[in-house]
C-alpha atoms as a PDB file:
ATOM      1  CA  MET A   1       0.000   0.000   0.000  1.00  0.00           C
ATOM      2  CA  ALA A   2       3.011   2.307   0.314  1.00  0.00           C
ATOM      3  CA  LYS A   3       3.232   3.142  -3.384  1.00  0.00           C
ATOM      4  CA  ASN A   4       0.971   5.754  -5.015  1.00  0.00           C
ATOM      5  CA  LEU A   5      -1.134   6.663  -2.003  1.00  0.00           C
ATOM      6  CA  ILE A   6      -3.923   9.180  -2.453  1.00  0.00           C
ATOM      7  CA  PRO A   7      -5.047  11.782   0.102  1.00  0.00           C
ATOM      8  CA  SER A   8      -8.072  10.833   2.197  1.00  0.00           C
ATOM      9  CA  ASP A   9      -9.370  10.936   5.773  1.00  0.00           C
ATOM     10  CA  LEU A  10      -7.773   7.605   6.690  1.00  0.00           C
ATOM     11  CA  GLN A  11      -5.410   7.278   9.636  1.00  0.00           C
ATOM     12  CA  LEU A  12      -2.142   5.697   8.482  1.00  0.00           C
ATOM     13  CA  GLU A  13       0.257   3.725  10.647  1.00  0.00           C
ATOM     14  CA  ILE A  14       3.745   4.437   9.274  1.00  0.00           C
ATOM     15  CA  THR A  15       6.706   2.276  10.339  1.00  0.00           C
ATOM     16  CA  GLN A  16      10.321   2.818   9.321  1.00  0.00           C
ATOM     17  CA  ILE A  17      11.705  -0.487   8.026  1.00  0.00           C
ATOM     18  CA  LYS A  18      15.046   0.580   6.540  1.00  0.00           C
ATOM     19  CA  SER A  19      17.842   2.923   7.523  1.00  0.00           C
ATOM     20  CA  ALA A  20      18.266   6.357   5.963  1.00  0.00           C
ATOM     21  CA  ILE A  21      22.052   6.075   6.234  1.00  0.00           C
ATOM     22  CA  GLY A  22      23.576   6.452   2.796  1.00  0.00           C
ATOM     23  CA  GLY A  23      20.340   7.858   1.425  1.00  0.00           C
ATOM     24  CA  LYS A  24      19.783  11.283  -0.033  1.00  0.00           C
ATOM     25  CA  GLN A  25      19.500  14.223   2.350  1.00  0.00           C
ATOM     26  CA  ASN A  26      15.923  14.957   1.275  1.00  0.00           C
ATOM     27  CA  GLN A  27      14.917  11.378   2.154  1.00  0.00           C
ATOM     28  CA  ARG A  28      16.497  11.688   5.610  1.00  0.00           C
ATOM     29  CA  ASP A  29      14.698  15.011   6.102  1.00  0.00           C
ATOM     30  CA  THR A  30      11.411  13.443   4.987  1.00  0.00           C
ATOM     31  CA  LEU A  31      11.664  10.621   7.524  1.00  0.00           C
ATOM     32  CA  ARG A  32      12.383  13.152  10.266  1.00  0.00           C
ATOM     33  CA  SER A  33       9.435  15.308   9.165  1.00  0.00           C
ATOM     34  CA  LEU A  34       7.169  12.271   9.385  1.00  0.00           C
ATOM     35  CA  GLY A  35       8.337  11.880  12.989  1.00  0.00           C
ATOM     36  CA  LEU A  36      10.334   8.681  12.415  1.00  0.00           C
ATOM     37  CA  LYS A  37      13.565   8.391  14.379  1.00  0.00           C
ATOM     38  CA  ARG A  38      14.782   4.812  14.037  1.00  0.00           C
ATOM     39  CA  ILE A  39      14.064   1.468  12.386  1.00  0.00           C
ATOM     40  CA  GLY A  40      10.937  -0.058  13.896  1.00  0.00           C
ATOM     41  CA  HIS A  41       9.573   3.302  15.052  1.00  0.00           C
ATOM     42  CA  THR A  42       5.870   3.777  14.238  1.00  0.00           C
ATOM     43  CA  VAL A  43       3.781   6.940  13.989  1.00  0.00           C
ATOM     44  CA  VAL A  44       0.107   7.488  13.154  1.00  0.00           C
ATOM     45  CA  ARG A  45      -0.702  10.285  10.718  1.00  0.00           C
ATOM     46  CA  THR A  46      -3.768  11.359   8.731  1.00  0.00           C
ATOM     47  CA  ALA A  47      -3.507  10.661   5.003  1.00  0.00           C
ATOM     48  CA  ASP A  48      -3.612  14.325   3.982  1.00  0.00           C
ATOM     49  CA  ALA A  49      -1.879  15.630   0.861  1.00  0.00           C
ATOM     50  CA  VAL A  50       1.330  16.594   2.688  1.00  0.00           C
ATOM     51  CA  THR A  51       1.760  13.215   4.380  1.00  0.00           C
ATOM     52  CA  VAL A  52       0.972  11.287   1.195  1.00  0.00           C
ATOM     53  CA  GLY A  53       3.542  13.351  -0.704  1.00  0.00           C
ATOM     54  CA  MET A  54       6.191  12.582   1.912  1.00  0.00           C
ATOM     55  CA  LEU A  55       5.350   8.865   1.853  1.00  0.00           C
ATOM     56  CA  ASN A  56       5.626   8.764  -1.934  1.00  0.00           C
ATOM     57  CA  THR A  57       9.152  10.219  -1.540  1.00  0.00           C
ATOM     58  CA  VAL A  58      10.378   7.370   0.708  1.00  0.00           C
ATOM     59  CA  PRO A  59       8.216   4.315  -0.115  1.00  0.00           C
ATOM     60  CA  HIS A  60      11.242   1.985   0.029  1.00  0.00           C
ATOM     61  CA  LEU A  61      12.068   3.010   3.630  1.00  0.00           C
ATOM     62  CA  VAL A  62       8.629   2.735   5.241  1.00  0.00           C
ATOM     63  CA  LYS A  63       5.731   0.315   5.676  1.00  0.00           C
ATOM     64  CA  VAL A  64       2.285   1.899   5.573  1.00  0.00           C
ATOM     65  CA  GLU A  65      -0.876   0.316   6.981  1.00  0.00           C
ATOM     66  CA  GLU A  66      -4.323   1.590   7.764  1.00  0.00           C
ATOM     67  CA  ALA A  67      -4.539   2.317  11.496  1.00  0.00           C
ATOM     68  CA  LYS A  68      -7.106   0.287  13.382  1.00  0.00           C
END
């Protein structure tokens, strides 16, 4: 579900699954802006346009699920 998300009112559970070390600076900044600090860290965010844009920047570093 991480690829090509669209904005909606859903709550998304975002988990970092890979390290940002060696990645581009904008990808590291994006993870930090999402509130992710380390591998295995999970945050819950609304699927608004800003969040979806950030997730589409780093789909290979995060796992996205619908929050329960």
